[in-house]
Structures are given as structure tokens and as C-alpha cells.
């Protein structure tokens, strides 16, 4: 490897589904989408935890009930966080695929 991170033979492994190197705009789009996925998942998890565990703050409940509410709120929040991140990134991955190639040579549209 040279000092700038490039291989000496010019070979640089890339993701197979992209068909080549990603442009700066594509890398930026992935970064923004990951940030959005994490931020929206954190917000959803916080709201879910607050809804489930919130009554423990305002009601006079037994120690066992408080523990059950906080535990179930935490489990629900973690599950929703993971699910939200996965669905946002899955939709982004599906929508960011390069346009399909025509199935027949000479055709300009995939559905022609």
C-alpha cells in the first residue's frame, strides 16, 4: 500500500452490488441516511419507553410493578430501535439501486 491508502497494483475492493466505486454524492447520501435512521429510531425508542414506563413516575405503584414497566419499556424500546434502523436502511438500499438494464439489446427502457 502507498501512503495515500491506494494499493500499489491499483486494485481496491468495492461492494459487489454497486458495480464500481461510489461517488462522493453516493457516500454522502449513505451517511445522511444512516444518521436519519439512527435519529428517528432513537426518537421512536424514547417515545415508546416513555409511554410504557411513564406511568411508573406518576402513579403510586409497587416496586415489582415499576420494575416490570421499566423492563418492558426498555425491551420494547430496544426492539423498536432495531426495527426502525433496519427498515429505514432496507428501504434506502432498495431505492438506491442503479437503474435496471434493458433485457434486450437495443431497447432503451426496461419495460419495452
Protein backbone atom coordinates (compact mmCIF):
# COMPACT_ATOMS: atom_id res chain seq x y z
CA UNK A 1 0.00 0.00 0.00
CA UNK A 2 1.13 3.51 -0.66
CA UNK A 3 0.89 6.39 1.80
CA UNK A 4 -2.45 7.61 0.44
CA UNK A 5 -4.22 4.28 1.08
CA UNK A 6 -4.23 3.06 -2.51
CA UNK A 7 -2.94 -0.38 -3.32
CA UNK A 8 0.27 -0.47 -5.29
CA UNK A 9 -1.35 -2.52 -8.05
CA UNK A 10 -4.37 -0.19 -8.32
CA UNK A 11 -6.82 -2.79 -7.02
CA UNK A 12 -9.26 -1.54 -4.41
CA UNK A 13 -12.06 -3.83 -3.22
CA UNK A 14 -15.56 -2.37 -3.64
CA UNK A 15 -19.06 -3.53 -2.88
CA UNK A 16 -20.23 -6.03 -5.48
CA UNK A 17 -23.72 -4.59 -5.93
CA UNK A 18 -22.52 -1.10 -6.88
CA UNK A 19 -20.56 -2.21 -9.92
CA UNK A 20 -17.66 0.12 -9.11
CA UNK A 21 -16.52 2.93 -6.89
CA UNK A 22 -19.08 5.09 -5.20
CA UNK A 23 -19.14 8.79 -5.92
CA UNK A 24 -18.84 11.35 -3.14
CA UNK A 25 -22.55 12.12 -3.51
CA UNK A 26 -23.43 8.45 -3.00
CA UNK A 27 -21.21 8.24 0.09
CA UNK A 28 -22.80 11.42 1.45
CA UNK A 29 -26.29 10.03 0.82
CA UNK A 30 -25.44 6.85 2.73
CA UNK A 31 -24.06 8.90 5.63
CA UNK A 32 -27.17 11.08 5.79
CA UNK A 33 -29.45 8.04 5.59
CA UNK A 34 -27.62 6.29 8.44
CA UNK A 35 -27.87 9.44 10.55
CA UNK A 36 -31.58 9.73 9.81
CA UNK A 37 -32.13 6.07 10.64
CA UNK A 38 -30.36 6.40 13.99
CA UNK A 39 -32.02 9.69 14.95
CA UNK A 40 -35.54 8.59 14.05
CA UNK A 41 -35.01 5.24 15.77
CA UNK A 42 -33.76 6.94 18.94
CA UNK A 43 -36.80 9.24 18.96
CA UNK A 44 -39.19 6.32 18.44
CA UNK A 45 -37.50 4.29 21.18
CA UNK A 46 -37.64 7.20 23.62
CA UNK A 47 -41.33 7.78 22.96
CA UNK A 48 -42.13 4.06 23.32
CA UNK A 49 -40.16 3.85 26.56
CA UNK A 50 -41.92 6.94 27.90
CA UNK A 51 -45.34 5.60 27.05
CA UNK A 52 -44.75 2.24 28.71
CA UNK A 53 -42.58 3.28 31.67
CA UNK A 54 -44.06 6.74 32.18
CA UNK A 55 -46.87 5.66 34.48
CA UNK A 56 -44.24 4.38 36.92
CA UNK A 57 -43.25 8.01 37.56
CA UNK A 58 -46.71 9.37 38.20
CA UNK A 59 -48.60 6.51 39.85
CA UNK A 60 -48.03 5.04 43.27
CA UNK A 61 -47.12 1.52 42.21
CA UNK A 62 -45.38 -1.34 43.96
CA UNK A 63 -41.68 -1.92 43.37
CA UNK A 64 -42.43 -5.01 41.27
CA UNK A 65 -44.86 -3.11 39.03
CA UNK A 66 -42.36 -0.29 38.50
CA UNK A 67 -39.66 -2.79 37.64
CA UNK A 68 -41.97 -4.60 35.20
CA UNK A 69 -42.95 -1.37 33.46
CA UNK A 70 -39.36 -0.14 33.15
CA UNK A 71 -38.12 -3.54 31.93
CA UNK A 72 -40.89 -3.98 29.38
CA UNK A 73 -40.42 -0.38 28.22
CA UNK A 74 -36.70 -0.98 27.74
CA UNK A 75 -37.26 -4.20 25.81
CA UNK A 76 -39.88 -2.57 23.60
CA UNK A 77 -37.66 0.48 23.01
CA UNK A 78 -34.69 -1.69 22.01
CA UNK A 79 -36.80 -3.79 19.66
CA UNK A 80 -38.36 -0.74 18.01
CA UNK A 81 -34.95 0.92 17.68
CA UNK A 82 -33.50 -2.07 15.85
CA UNK A 83 -36.59 -2.50 13.68
CA UNK A 84 -36.66 1.19 12.70
CA UNK A 85 -32.98 1.27 11.75
CA UNK A 86 -33.36 -1.93 9.72
CA UNK A 87 -36.45 -0.77 7.82
CA UNK A 88 -35.06 2.70 7.02
CA UNK A 89 -31.79 1.29 5.72
CA UNK A 90 -33.52 -1.53 3.86
CA UNK A 91 -35.79 0.93 2.03
CA UNK A 92 -32.80 3.12 1.21
CA UNK A 93 -30.85 0.14 -0.11
CA UNK A 94 -33.76 -0.93 -2.29
CA UNK A 95 -34.34 2.55 -3.68
CA UNK A 96 -30.68 3.34 -4.32
CA UNK A 97 -30.08 0.51 -6.75
CA UNK A 98 -28.83 1.60 -10.15
CA UNK A 99 -31.43 1.68 -12.89
CA UNK A 100 -32.15 -1.70 -14.38
CA UNK A 101 -30.57 -2.57 -17.67
CA UNK A 102 -32.84 -3.40 -20.61
CA UNK A 103 -33.42 -7.12 -21.04
CA UNK A 104 -32.94 -6.94 -24.81
CA UNK A 105 -30.11 -5.20 -26.64
CA UNK A 106 -31.16 -2.01 -28.41
CA UNK A 107 -34.08 -1.32 -26.09
CA UNK A 108 -33.97 1.94 -24.18
CA UNK A 109 -36.47 1.13 -21.44
CA UNK A 110 -36.53 -2.00 -19.23
CA UNK A 111 -40.26 -2.50 -19.82
CA UNK A 112 -40.13 -2.26 -23.63
